[in-house]
PDB file of all heavy atoms in Angstrom:
ATOM      1  N   ILE A   1       0.806  -1.178   0.087  1.00  0.00           N
ATOM      2  CA  ILE A   1      -0.051  -0.009   0.052  1.00  0.00           C
ATOM      3  C   ILE A   1       0.904   1.249  -0.011  1.00  0.00           C
ATOM      4  O   ILE A   1       0.659   2.252  -0.690  1.00  0.00           O
ATOM      5  CB  ILE A   1      -0.923  -0.042   1.316  1.00  0.00           C
ATOM      6  CG1 ILE A   1      -1.972  -1.195   1.067  1.00  0.00           C
ATOM      7  CG2 ILE A   1      -1.681   1.315   1.401  1.00  0.00           C
ATOM      8  CD1 ILE A   1      -2.902  -1.389   2.223  1.00  0.00           C
ATOM      9  N   PHE A   2       1.965   1.279   0.745  1.00  0.00           N
ATOM     10  CA  PHE A   2       2.829   2.371   0.869  1.00  0.00           C
ATOM     11  C   PHE A   2       3.495   2.604  -0.453  1.00  0.00           C
ATOM     12  O   PHE A   2       3.562   3.671  -1.009  1.00  0.00           O
ATOM     13  CB  PHE A   2       3.931   2.160   1.851  1.00  0.00           C
ATOM     14  CG  PHE A   2       4.974   3.200   1.897  1.00  0.00           C
ATOM     15  CD1 PHE A   2       4.737   4.490   2.474  1.00  0.00           C
ATOM     16  CD2 PHE A   2       6.193   3.027   1.480  1.00  0.00           C
ATOM     17  CE1 PHE A   2       5.515   5.435   2.595  1.00  0.00           C
ATOM     18  CE2 PHE A   2       7.226   3.942   1.399  1.00  0.00           C
ATOM     19  CZ  PHE A   2       6.836   5.241   2.120  1.00  0.00           C
ATOM     20  N   ILE A   3       3.870   1.602  -1.201  1.00  0.00           N
ATOM     21  CA  ILE A   3       4.556   1.715  -2.544  1.00  0.00           C
ATOM     22  C   ILE A   3       3.551   2.115  -3.566  1.00  0.00           C
ATOM     23  O   ILE A   3       3.898   3.138  -4.306  1.00  0.00           O
ATOM     24  CB  ILE A   3       5.241   0.322  -2.885  1.00  0.00           C
ATOM     25  CG1 ILE A   3       6.384  -0.055  -2.133  1.00  0.00           C
ATOM     26  CG2 ILE A   3       5.682   0.250  -4.436  1.00  0.00           C
ATOM     27  CD1 ILE A   3       7.063  -1.406  -2.255  1.00  0.00           C
ATOM     28  N   ILE A   4       2.332   1.717  -3.507  1.00  0.00           N
ATOM     29  CA  ILE A   4       1.422   2.191  -4.442  1.00  0.00           C
ATOM     30  C   ILE A   4       1.010   3.690  -4.198  1.00  0.00           C
ATOM     31  O   ILE A   4       1.042   4.475  -5.115  1.00  0.00           O
ATOM     32  CB  ILE A   4       0.033   1.361  -4.284  1.00  0.00           C
ATOM     33  CG1 ILE A   4       0.287  -0.018  -4.899  1.00  0.00           C
ATOM     34  CG2 ILE A   4      -1.093   1.903  -5.005  1.00  0.00           C
ATOM     35  CD1 ILE A   4      -0.816  -1.017  -4.712  1.00  0.00           C
ATOM     36  N   ALA A   5       0.996   4.049  -2.961  1.00  0.00           N
ATOM     37  CA  ALA A   5       0.646   5.531  -2.638  1.00  0.00           C
ATOM     38  C   ALA A   5       1.897   6.331  -3.187  1.00  0.00           C
ATOM     39  O   ALA A   5       1.656   7.485  -3.599  1.00  0.00           O
ATOM     40  CB  ALA A   5       0.645   5.636  -1.102  1.00  0.00           C
ATOM     41  N   VAL A   6       3.091   5.955  -2.946  1.00  0.00           N
ATOM     42  CA  VAL A   6       4.214   6.722  -3.491  1.00  0.00           C
ATOM     43  C   VAL A   6       4.211   6.810  -5.024  1.00  0.00           C
ATOM     44  O   VAL A   6       4.377   7.930  -5.512  1.00  0.00           O
ATOM     45  CB  VAL A   6       5.581   6.075  -3.004  1.00  0.00           C
ATOM     46  CG1 VAL A   6       6.800   6.678  -3.823  1.00  0.00           C
ATOM     47  CG2 VAL A   6       5.794   6.226  -1.451  1.00  0.00           C
ATOM     48  N   ILE A   7       3.828   5.701  -5.691  1.00  0.00           N
ATOM     49  CA  ILE A   7       3.750   5.768  -7.153  1.00  0.00           C
ATOM     50  C   ILE A   7       2.633   6.737  -7.622  1.00  0.00           C
ATOM     51  O   ILE A   7       2.839   7.508  -8.542  1.00  0.00           O
ATOM     52  CB  ILE A   7       3.487   4.354  -7.726  1.00  0.00           C
ATOM     53  CG1 ILE A   7       4.851   3.542  -7.488  1.00  0.00           C
ATOM     54  CG2 ILE A   7       3.128   4.358  -9.163  1.00  0.00           C
ATOM     55  CD1 ILE A   7       4.574   2.051  -7.805  1.00  0.00           C
ATOM     56  N   VAL A   8       1.544   6.646  -6.913  1.00  0.00           N
ATOM     57  CA  VAL A   8       0.469   7.646  -7.273  1.00  0.00           C
ATOM     58  C   VAL A   8       0.914   9.035  -7.017  1.00  0.00           C
ATOM     59  O   VAL A   8       0.620   9.855  -7.945  1.00  0.00           O
ATOM     60  CB  VAL A   8      -0.827   7.311  -6.344  1.00  0.00           C
ATOM     61  CG1 VAL A   8      -1.910   8.443  -6.555  1.00  0.00           C
ATOM     62  CG2 VAL A   8      -1.312   5.937  -6.904  1.00  0.00           C
ATOM     63  N   VAL A   9       1.464   9.324  -5.934  1.00  0.00           N
ATOM     64  CA  VAL A   9       2.001  10.831  -5.644  1.00  0.00           C
ATOM     65  C   VAL A   9       2.929  11.310  -6.695  1.00  0.00           C
ATOM     66  O   VAL A   9       2.898  12.300  -7.316  1.00  0.00           O
ATOM     67  CB  VAL A   9       2.511  10.866  -4.245  1.00  0.00           C
ATOM     68  CG1 VAL A   9       3.307  12.246  -4.085  1.00  0.00           C
ATOM     69  CG2 VAL A   9       1.490  10.686  -3.141  1.00  0.00           C
ATOM     70  N   ILE A  10       3.899  10.332  -7.215  1.00  0.00           N
ATOM     71  CA  ILE A  10       4.798  10.759  -8.202  1.00  0.00           C
ATOM     72  C   ILE A  10       4.101  10.905  -9.601  1.00  0.00           C
ATOM     73  O   ILE A  10       4.472  11.824 -10.162  1.00  0.00           O
ATOM     74  CB  ILE A  10       5.860   9.638  -8.227  1.00  0.00           C
ATOM     75  CG1 ILE A  10       6.781   9.627  -7.030  1.00  0.00           C
ATOM     76  CG2 ILE A  10       6.768   9.698  -9.550  1.00  0.00           C
ATOM     77  CD1 ILE A  10       7.864   8.462  -6.880  1.00  0.00           C
ATOM     78  N   ALA A  11       3.154  10.034  -9.886  1.00  0.00           N
ATOM     79  CA  ALA A  11       2.421  10.210 -11.173  1.00  0.00           C
ATOM     80  C   ALA A  11       1.671  11.510 -11.114  1.00  0.00           C
ATOM     81  O   ALA A  11       1.664  12.203 -12.180  1.00  0.00           O
ATOM     82  CB  ALA A  11       1.535   9.112 -11.286  1.00  0.00           C
ATOM     83  N   VAL A  12       0.993  11.873 -10.129  1.00  0.00           N
ATOM     84  CA  VAL A  12       0.245  13.041 -10.011  1.00  0.00           C
ATOM     85  C   VAL A  12       1.202  14.278 -10.096  1.00  0.00           C
ATOM     86  O   VAL A  12       0.980  15.221 -10.927  1.00  0.00           O
ATOM     87  CB  VAL A  12      -0.616  13.136  -8.793  1.00  0.00           C
ATOM     88  CG1 VAL A  12      -1.255  14.546  -8.474  1.00  0.00           C
ATOM     89  CG2 VAL A  12      -1.790  12.119  -8.799  1.00  0.00           C
ATOM     90  N   GLY A  13       2.297  14.289  -9.479  1.00  0.00           N
ATOM     91  CA  GLY A  13       3.301  15.382  -9.542  1.00  0.00           C
ATOM     92  C   GLY A  13       3.852  15.428 -10.970  1.00  0.00           C
ATOM     93  O   GLY A  13       4.045  16.523 -11.475  1.00  0.00           O
ATOM     94  N   ALA A  14       4.139  14.363 -11.636  1.00  0.00           N
ATOM     95  CA  ALA A  14       4.578  14.354 -13.002  1.00  0.00           C
ATOM     96  C   ALA A  14       3.650  15.052 -13.943  1.00  0.00           C
ATOM     97  O   ALA A  14       3.960  15.752 -14.791  1.00  0.00           O
ATOM     98  CB  ALA A  14       5.069  13.018 -13.469  1.00  0.00           C
ATOM     99  N   VAL A  15       2.473  14.631 -13.823  1.00  0.00           N
ATOM    100  CA  VAL A  15       1.285  15.129 -14.546  1.00  0.00           C
ATOM    101  C   VAL A  15       1.223  16.687 -14.464  1.00  0.00           C
ATOM    102  O   VAL A  15       1.055  17.378 -15.430  1.00  0.00           O
ATOM    103  CB  VAL A  15      -0.007  14.507 -14.430  1.00  0.00           C
ATOM    104  CG1 VAL A  15      -1.176  15.194 -15.107  1.00  0.00           C
ATOM    105  CG2 VAL A  15      -0.119  13.134 -14.903  1.00  0.00           C
ATOM    106  N   TYR A  16       1.218  17.076 -13.256  1.00  0.00           N
ATOM    107  CA  TYR A  16       1.133  18.518 -12.881  1.00  0.00           C
ATOM    108  C   TYR A  16       2.354  19.321 -13.539  1.00  0.00           C
ATOM    109  O   TYR A  16       2.238  20.352 -14.019  1.00  0.00           O
ATOM    110  CB  TYR A  16       0.910  18.765 -11.369  1.00  0.00           C
ATOM    111  CG  TYR A  16       1.040  20.253 -11.078  1.00  0.00           C
ATOM    112  CD1 TYR A  16      -0.168  20.995 -11.149  1.00  0.00           C
ATOM    113  CD2 TYR A  16       2.180  20.846 -10.528  1.00  0.00           C
ATOM    114  CE1 TYR A  16      -0.190  22.385 -10.862  1.00  0.00           C
ATOM    115  CE2 TYR A  16       2.108  22.109 -10.211  1.00  0.00           C
ATOM    116  CZ  TYR A  16       1.011  22.882 -10.254  1.00  0.00           C
ATOM    117  OH  TYR A  16       0.949  24.170 -10.066  1.00  0.00           O
ATOM    118  N   PHE A  17       3.541  18.713 -13.290  1.00  0.00           N
ATOM    119  CA  PHE A  17       4.702  19.355 -13.652  1.00  0.00           C
ATOM    120  C   PHE A  17       4.794  19.574 -15.200  1.00  0.00           C
ATOM    121  O   PHE A  17       5.262  20.447 -15.738  1.00  0.00           O
ATOM    122  CB  PHE A  17       5.987  18.621 -13.134  1.00  0.00           C
ATOM    123  CG  PHE A  17       7.214  19.277 -13.414  1.00  0.00           C
ATOM    124  CD1 PHE A  17       7.658  20.440 -12.809  1.00  0.00           C
ATOM    125  CD2 PHE A  17       8.066  18.858 -14.453  1.00  0.00           C
ATOM    126  CE1 PHE A  17       8.896  21.021 -12.996  1.00  0.00           C
ATOM    127  CE2 PHE A  17       9.290  19.398 -14.806  1.00  0.00           C
ATOM    128  CZ  PHE A  17       9.665  20.543 -14.075  1.00  0.00           C
ATOM    129  N   PHE A  18       4.521  18.464 -15.965  1.00  0.00           N
ATOM    130  CA  PHE A  18       4.630  18.381 -17.346  1.00  0.00           C
ATOM    131  C   PHE A  18       3.486  18.970 -18.145  1.00  0.00           C
ATOM    132  O   PHE A  18       3.396  19.129 -19.316  1.00  0.00           O
ATOM    133  CB  PHE A  18       4.970  17.095 -17.812  1.00  0.00           C
ATOM    134  CG  PHE A  18       6.386  16.631 -17.479  1.00  0.00           C
ATOM    135  CD1 PHE A  18       6.517  15.627 -16.560  1.00  0.00           C
ATOM    136  CD2 PHE A  18       7.529  17.209 -17.992  1.00  0.00           C
ATOM    137  CE1 PHE A  18       7.836  15.280 -16.099  1.00  0.00           C
ATOM    138  CE2 PHE A  18       8.800  16.966 -17.570  1.00  0.00           C
ATOM    139  CZ  PHE A  18       8.901  15.905 -16.657  1.00  0.00           C
ATOM    140  N   SER A  19       2.238  19.306 -17.524  1.00  0.00           N
ATOM    141  CA  SER A  19       1.085  19.740 -18.188  1.00  0.00           C
ATOM    142  C   SER A  19       1.410  21.327 -18.691  1.00  0.00           C
ATOM    143  O   SER A  19       2.031  22.069 -17.838  1.00  0.00           O
ATOM    144  CB  SER A  19      -0.115  19.642 -17.301  1.00  0.00           C
ATOM    145  OG  SER A  19       0.009  20.518 -16.201  1.00  0.00           O
ATOM    146  N   PRO A  20       0.821  21.673 -19.848  1.00  0.00           N
ATOM    147  CA  PRO A  20       1.088  22.983 -20.172  1.00  0.00           C
ATOM    148  C   PRO A  20       0.370  24.071 -19.264  1.00  0.00           C
ATOM    149  O   PRO A  20      -0.726  23.741 -18.774  1.00  0.00           O
ATOM    150  CB  PRO A  20       0.551  23.120 -21.610  1.00  0.00           C
ATOM    151  CG  PRO A  20      -0.460  21.963 -21.636  1.00  0.00           C
ATOM    152  CD  PRO A  20       0.022  20.885 -20.728  1.00  0.00           C
ATOM    153  N   LYS A  21       0.949  25.168 -18.880  1.00  0.00           N
ATOM    154  CA  LYS A  21       0.436  26.094 -18.120  1.00  0.00           C
ATOM    155  C   LYS A  21      -0.392  26.970 -18.827  1.00  0.00           C
ATOM    156  O   LYS A  21      -0.032  27.504 -19.926  1.00  0.00           O
ATOM    157  CB  LYS A  21       1.584  26.936 -17.336  1.00  0.00           C
ATOM    158  CG  LYS A  21       2.566  26.007 -16.586  1.00  0.00           C
ATOM    159  CD  LYS A  21       1.936  25.430 -15.405  1.00  0.00           C
ATOM    160  CE  LYS A  21       2.979  24.692 -14.599  1.00  0.00           C
ATOM    161  NZ  LYS A  21       3.172  23.311 -14.701  1.00  0.00           N
ATOM    162  N   ALA A  22      -1.670  27.286 -18.313  1.00  0.00           N
ATOM    163  CA  ALA A  22      -2.581  28.248 -18.958  1.00  0.00           C
ATOM    164  C   ALA A  22      -2.117  29.620 -18.662  1.00  0.00           C
ATOM    165  O   ALA A  22      -1.787  29.957 -17.557  1.00  0.00           O
ATOM    166  CB  ALA A  22      -3.996  28.045 -18.473  1.00  0.00           C
ATOM    167  N   GLU A  23      -1.942  30.398 -19.670  1.00  0.00           N
ATOM    168  CA  GLU A  23      -1.528  31.784 -19.593  1.00  0.00           C
ATOM    169  C   GLU A  23      -2.808  32.740 -19.663  1.00  0.00           C
ATOM    170  O   GLU A  23      -3.832  32.405 -20.345  1.00  0.00           O
ATOM    171  CB  GLU A  23      -0.526  32.159 -20.565  1.00  0.00           C
ATOM    172  CG  GLU A  23       0.692  31.399 -20.444  1.00  0.00           C
ATOM    173  CD  GLU A  23       1.743  31.866 -21.516  1.00  0.00           C
ATOM    174  OE1 GLU A  23       1.534  32.949 -21.985  1.00  0.00           O
ATOM    175  OE2 GLU A  23       2.692  31.079 -21.702  1.00  0.00           O
ATOM    176  N   LYS A  24      -2.793  33.818 -18.992  1.00  0.00           N
ATOM    177  CA  LYS A  24      -3.869  34.776 -19.098  1.00  0.00           C
ATOM    178  C   LYS A  24      -3.982  35.422 -20.439  1.00  0.00           C
ATOM    179  O   LYS A  24      -2.942  35.673 -21.044  1.00  0.00           O
ATOM    180  CB  LYS A  24      -3.639  35.841 -18.018  1.00  0.00           C
ATOM    181  CG  LYS A  24      -4.900  36.817 -17.937  1.00  0.00           C
ATOM    182  CD  LYS A  24      -4.706  37.802 -16.851  1.00  0.00           C
ATOM    183  CE  LYS A  24      -5.944  38.750 -16.961  1.00  0.00           C
ATOM    184  NZ  LYS A  24      -5.758  39.867 -16.031  1.00  0.00           N
ATOM    185  N   GLU A  25      -5.275  35.435 -20.919  1.00  0.00           N
ATOM    186  CA  GLU A  25      -5.402  35.950 -22.381  1.00  0.00           C
ATOM    187  C   GLU A  25      -4.987  37.486 -22.335  1.00  0.00           C
ATOM    188  O   GLU A  25      -5.392  38.137 -21.391  1.00  0.00           O
ATOM    189  CB  GLU A  25      -6.961  35.799 -22.780  1.00  0.00           C
ATOM    190  CG  GLU A  25      -6.976  34.935 -23.952  1.00  0.00           C
ATOM    191  CD  GLU A  25      -8.386  34.771 -24.417  1.00  0.00           C
ATOM    192  OE1 GLU A  25      -8.982  35.760 -24.943  1.00  0.00           O
ATOM    193  OE2 GLU A  25      -8.885  33.760 -24.128  1.00  0.00           O
ATOM    194  N   PRO A  26      -4.310  37.869 -23.323  1.00  0.00           N
ATOM    195  CA  PRO A  26      -3.997  39.274 -23.440  1.00  0.00           C
ATOM    196  C   PRO A  26      -5.212  40.090 -23.684  1.00  0.00           C
ATOM    197  O   PRO A  26      -6.158  39.621 -24.283  1.00  0.00           O
ATOM    198  CB  PRO A  26      -3.075  39.338 -24.592  1.00  0.00           C
ATOM    199  CG  PRO A  26      -3.371  38.165 -25.597  1.00  0.00           C
ATOM    200  CD  PRO A  26      -3.723  37.126 -24.511  1.00  0.00           C
ATOM    201  N   GLU A  27      -5.201  41.307 -23.285  1.00  0.00           N
ATOM    202  CA  GLU A  27      -6.366  42.278 -23.559  1.00  0.00           C
ATOM    203  C   GLU A  27      -6.489  42.566 -24.950  1.00  0.00           C
ATOM    204  O   GLU A  27      -7.638  42.830 -25.533  1.00  0.00           O
ATOM    205  CB  GLU A  27      -6.012  43.612 -22.785  1.00  0.00           C
ATOM    206  CG  GLU A  27      -6.300  43.545 -21.308  1.00  0.00           C
ATOM    207  CD  GLU A  27      -7.642  42.979 -20.971  1.00  0.00           C
ATOM    208  OE1 GLU A  27      -8.736  43.559 -21.497  1.00  0.00           O
ATOM    209  OE2 GLU A  27      -7.833  42.011 -20.161  1.00  0.00           O
ATOM    210  N   SER A  28      -5.485  42.529 -25.911  1.00  0.00           N
ATOM    211  CA  SER A  28      -5.681  42.632 -27.243  1.00  0.00           C
ATOM    212  C   SER A  28      -4.735  41.586 -27.932  1.00  0.00           C
ATOM    213  O   SER A  28      -3.757  41.247 -27.398  1.00  0.00           O
ATOM    214  CB  SER A  28      -5.257  44.147 -27.664  1.00  0.00           C
ATOM    215  OG  SER A  28      -3.882  44.307 -27.340  1.00  0.00           O
ATOM    216  N   GLU A  29      -5.146  41.237 -29.172  1.00  0.00           N
ATOM    217  CA  GLU A  29      -4.286  40.304 -29.882  1.00  0.00           C
ATOM    218  C   GLU A  29      -4.188  40.900 -31.255  1.00  0.00           C
ATOM    219  O   GLU A  29      -4.899  41.604 -31.859  1.00  0.00           O
ATOM    220  CB  GLU A  29      -4.992  38.922 -29.900  1.00  0.00           C
ATOM    221  CG  GLU A  29      -6.395  38.926 -30.355  1.00  0.00           C
ATOM    222  CD  GLU A  29      -7.099  37.574 -30.116  1.00  0.00           C
ATOM    223  OE1 GLU A  29      -7.052  37.152 -28.985  1.00  0.00           O
ATOM    224  OE2 GLU A  29      -7.638  36.978 -31.067  1.00  0.00           O
ATOM    225  N   LYS A  30      -3.151  40.276 -31.914  1.00  0.00           N
ATOM    226  CA  LYS A  30      -2.810  40.679 -33.236  1.00  0.00           C
ATOM    227  C   LYS A  30      -3.382  39.823 -34.207  1.00  0.00           C
ATOM    228  O   LYS A  30      -3.379  38.534 -34.151  1.00  0.00           O
ATOM    229  CB  LYS A  30      -1.208  40.794 -33.371  1.00  0.00           C
ATOM    230  CG  LYS A  30      -0.488  41.658 -32.551  1.00  0.00           C
ATOM    231  CD  LYS A  30       0.932  41.632 -32.694  1.00  0.00           C
ATOM    232  CE  LYS A  30       1.600  42.668 -31.885  1.00  0.00           C
ATOM    233  NZ  LYS A  30       3.129  42.640 -31.896  1.00  0.00           N
ATOM    234  N   VAL A  31      -4.025  40.303 -35.276  1.00  0.00           N
ATOM    235  CA  VAL A  31      -4.731  39.452 -36.279  1.00  0.00           C
ATOM    236  C   VAL A  31      -4.099  40.073 -37.645  1.00  0.00           C
ATOM    237  O   VAL A  31      -4.050  41.154 -37.964  1.00  0.00           O
ATOM    238  CB  VAL A  31      -6.145  39.803 -36.251  1.00  0.00           C
ATOM    239  CG1 VAL A  31      -6.898  39.004 -37.417  1.00  0.00           C
ATOM    240  CG2 VAL A  31      -6.727  39.454 -34.848  1.00  0.00           C
ATOM    241  N   SER A  32      -3.801  39.005 -38.606  1.00  0.00           N
ATOM    242  CA  SER A  32      -3.189  39.398 -39.817  1.00  0.00           C
ATOM    243  C   SER A  32      -4.436  39.586 -40.752  1.00  0.00           C
ATOM    244  O   SER A  32      -5.325  38.743 -40.936  1.00  0.00           O
ATOM    245  CB  SER A  32      -2.413  38.250 -40.406  1.00  0.00           C
ATOM    246  OG  SER A  32      -2.017  38.512 -41.682  1.00  0.00           O
ATOM    247  N   GLU A  33      -4.575  40.771 -41.252  1.00  0.00           N
ATOM    248  CA  GLU A  33      -5.692  41.158 -42.320  1.00  0.00           C
ATOM    249  C   GLU A  33      -5.081  41.809 -43.391  1.00  0.00           C
ATOM    250  O   GLU A  33      -4.470  42.988 -43.274  1.00  0.00           O
ATOM    251  CB  GLU A  33      -6.588  42.068 -41.542  1.00  0.00           C
ATOM    252  CG  GLU A  33      -7.933  42.155 -42.174  1.00  0.00           C
ATOM    253  CD  GLU A  33      -8.986  42.957 -41.301  1.00  0.00           C
ATOM    254  OE1 GLU A  33      -9.399  42.214 -40.325  1.00  0.00           O
ATOM    255  OE2 GLU A  33      -9.170  44.061 -41.479  1.00  0.00           O
ATOM    256  N   ASN A  34      -5.201  41.361 -44.670  1.00  0.00           N
ATOM    257  CA  ASN A  34      -4.662  41.903 -45.859  1.00  0.00           C
ATOM    258  C   ASN A  34      -3.215  42.238 -45.730  1.00  0.00           C
ATOM    259  O   ASN A  34      -2.722  43.296 -46.064  1.00  0.00           O
ATOM    260  CB  ASN A  34      -5.427  43.191 -46.208  1.00  0.00           C
ATOM    261  CG  ASN A  34      -6.986  43.009 -46.468  1.00  0.00           C
ATOM    262  OD1 ASN A  34      -7.332  41.895 -46.901  1.00  0.00           O
ATOM    263  ND2 ASN A  34      -7.749  43.948 -46.172  1.00  0.00           N
ATOM    264  N   ASN A  35      -2.390  41.346 -45.256  1.00  0.00           N
ATOM    265  CA  ASN A  35      -0.958  41.428 -45.137  1.00  0.00           C
ATOM    266  C   ASN A  35      -0.501  42.532 -44.247  1.00  0.00           C
ATOM    267  O   ASN A  35       0.619  42.921 -44.163  1.00  0.00           O
ATOM    268  CB  ASN A  35      -0.315  41.581 -46.523  1.00  0.00           C
ATOM    269  CG  ASN A  35      -0.585  40.205 -47.280  1.00  0.00           C
ATOM    270  OD1 ASN A  35      -0.549  39.118 -46.854  1.00  0.00           O
ATOM    271  ND2 ASN A  35      -0.561  40.353 -48.607  1.00  0.00           N
ATOM    272  N   SER A  36      -1.375  43.042 -43.436  1.00  0.00           N
ATOM    273  CA  SER A  36      -1.009  44.120 -42.442  1.00  0.00           C
ATOM    274  C   SER A  36      -1.521  43.520 -41.125  1.00  0.00           C
ATOM    275  O   SER A  36      -2.448  42.794 -40.964  1.00  0.00           O
ATOM    276  CB  SER A  36      -1.635  45.402 -42.832  1.00  0.00           C
ATOM    277  OG  SER A  36      -3.069  45.324 -42.698  1.00  0.00           O
ATOM    278  N   GLU A  37      -0.852  44.000 -40.072  1.00  0.00           N
ATOM    279  CA  GLU A  37      -1.111  43.544 -38.725  1.00  0.00           C
ATOM    280  C   GLU A  37      -2.026  44.508 -37.968  1.00  0.00           C
ATOM    281  O   GLU A  37      -1.767  45.739 -38.043  1.00  0.00           O
ATOM    282  CB  GLU A  37       0.180  43.459 -37.924  1.00  0.00           C
ATOM    283  CG  GLU A  37       0.161  42.453 -36.899  1.00  0.00           C
ATOM    284  CD  GLU A  37       1.526  42.301 -36.288  1.00  0.00           C
ATOM    285  OE1 GLU A  37       1.978  43.046 -35.495  1.00  0.00           O
ATOM    286  OE2 GLU A  37       2.175  41.279 -36.722  1.00  0.00           O
ATOM    287  N   VAL A  38      -3.201  43.914 -37.585  1.00  0.00           N
ATOM    288  CA  VAL A  38      -4.191  44.806 -36.929  1.00  0.00           C
ATOM    289  C   VAL A  38      -4.349  44.232 -35.508  1.00  0.00           C
ATOM    290  O   VAL A  38      -4.345  43.133 -35.277  1.00  0.00           O
ATOM    291  CB  VAL A  38      -5.639  44.603 -37.616  1.00  0.00           C
ATOM    292  CG1 VAL A  38      -6.537  45.380 -36.945  1.00  0.00           C
ATOM    293  CG2 VAL A  38      -5.491  45.013 -39.111  1.00  0.00           C
ATOM    294  N   ILE A  39      -4.387  45.169 -34.564  1.00  0.00           N
ATOM    295  CA  ILE A  39      -4.463  44.785 -33.128  1.00  0.00           C
ATOM    296  C   ILE A  39      -5.949  44.863 -32.685  1.00  0.00           C
ATOM    297  O   ILE A  39      -6.553  45.993 -32.948  1.00  0.00           O
ATOM    298  CB  ILE A  39      -3.637  45.648 -32.140  1.00  0.00           C
ATOM    299  CG1 ILE A  39      -2.160  45.407 -32.526  1.00  0.00           C
ATOM    300  CG2 ILE A  39      -3.827  45.313 -30.744  1.00  0.00           C
ATOM    301  CD1 ILE A  39      -1.207  46.200 -31.763  1.00  0.00           C
ATOM    302  N   ARG A  40      -6.493  43.857 -32.255  1.00  0.00           N
ATOM    303  CA  ARG A  40      -7.925  43.874 -31.911  1.00  0.00           C
ATOM    304  C   ARG A  40      -8.097  43.757 -30.509  1.00  0.00           C
ATOM    305  O   ARG A  40      -7.420  42.984 -29.710  1.00  0.00           O
ATOM    306  CB  ARG A  40      -8.671  42.545 -32.472  1.00  0.00           C
ATOM    307  CG  ARG A  40      -8.557  42.503 -34.060  1.00  0.00           C
ATOM    308  CD  ARG A  40      -9.911  42.870 -34.593  1.00  0.00           C
ATOM    309  NE  ARG A  40      -9.975  43.177 -35.957  1.00  0.00           N
ATOM    310  CZ  ARG A  40     -10.199  42.307 -37.049  1.00  0.00           C
ATOM    311  NH1 ARG A  40     -10.585  41.070 -36.705  1.00  0.00           N
ATOM    312  NH2 ARG A  40     -10.228  42.740 -38.218  1.00  0.00           N
ATOM    313  N   SER A  41      -9.022  44.517 -29.986  1.00  0.00           N
ATOM    314  CA  SER A  41      -9.176  44.559 -28.531  1.00  0.00           C
ATOM    315  C   SER A  41     -10.159  43.494 -28.136  1.00  0.00           C
ATOM    316  O   SER A  41     -11.196  43.148 -28.900  1.00  0.00           O
ATOM    317  CB  SER A  41      -9.789  45.902 -28.129  1.00  0.00           C
ATOM    318  OG  SER A  41     -10.142  46.139 -26.791  1.00  0.00           O
ATOM    319  N   VAL A  42     -10.129  42.960 -26.927  1.00  0.00           N
ATOM    320  CA  VAL A  42     -11.003  41.881 -26.402  1.00  0.00           C
ATOM    321  C   VAL A  42     -11.680  42.464 -25.169  1.00  0.00           C
ATOM    322  O   VAL A  42     -10.886  42.990 -24.216  1.00  0.00           O
ATOM    323  CB  VAL A  42     -10.163  40.637 -26.079  1.00  0.00           C
ATOM    324  CG1 VAL A  42     -11.122  39.519 -25.511  1.00  0.00           C
ATOM    325  CG2 VAL A  42      -9.531  40.099 -27.357  1.00  0.00           C
ATOM    326  N   TYR A  43     -13.031  42.362 -25.098  1.00  0.00           N
ATOM    327  CA  TYR A  43     -13.721  42.848 -24.003  1.00  0.00           C
ATOM    328  C   TYR A  43     -14.361  41.619 -23.258  1.00  0.00           C
ATOM    329  O   TYR A  43     -15.065  40.917 -23.792  1.00  0.00           O
ATOM    330  CB  TYR A  43     -14.817  43.788 -24.391  1.00  0.00           C
ATOM    331  CG  TYR A  43     -15.560  44.494 -23.252  1.00  0.00           C
ATOM    332  CD1 TYR A  43     -15.230  45.808 -22.892  1.00  0.00           C
ATOM    333  CD2 TYR A  43     -16.674  43.876 -22.634  1.00  0.00           C
ATOM    334  CE1 TYR A  43     -15.954  46.426 -22.024  1.00  0.00           C
ATOM    335  CE2 TYR A  43     -17.172  44.491 -21.603  1.00  0.00           C
ATOM    336  CZ  TYR A  43     -16.925  45.787 -21.309  1.00  0.00           C
ATOM    337  OH  TYR A  43     -17.501  46.433 -20.232  1.00  0.00           O
ATOM    338  N   SER A  44     -14.035  41.412 -21.963  1.00  0.00           N
ATOM    339  CA  SER A  44     -14.478  40.249 -21.212  1.00  0.00           C
ATOM    340  C   SER A  44     -15.762  40.515 -20.598  1.00  0.00           C
ATOM    341  O   SER A  44     -15.936  41.649 -19.936  1.00  0.00           O
ATOM    342  CB  SER A  44     -13.402  39.895 -20.186  1.00  0.00           C
ATOM    343  OG  SER A  44     -12.148  39.437 -20.784  1.00  0.00           O
ATOM    344  N   LEU A  45     -16.727  39.605 -20.738  1.00  0.00           N
ATOM    345  CA  LEU A  45     -18.018  39.803 -20.078  1.00  0.00           C
ATOM    346  C   LEU A  45     -18.012  38.811 -18.832  1.00  0.00           C
ATOM    347  O   LEU A  45     -17.293  37.892 -18.760  1.00  0.00           O
ATOM    348  CB  LEU A  45     -19.112  39.202 -21.083  1.00  0.00           C
ATOM    349  CG  LEU A  45     -19.329  40.090 -22.302  1.00  0.00           C
ATOM    350  CD1 LEU A  45     -20.385  39.461 -23.137  1.00  0.00           C
ATOM    351  CD2 LEU A  45     -19.762  41.541 -21.965  1.00  0.00           C
TER     352      LEU A  45
END
């Protein structure tokens, strides 16, 4: 039981460590439109 518990803790830690971190969405983002870069604003509801 002790060995299984240690394996589970290691597995959960590995999943957490290697999972991609979510980054906060920027307030504006760049969009390519007609070969020119346009910055679009994002309004959160």
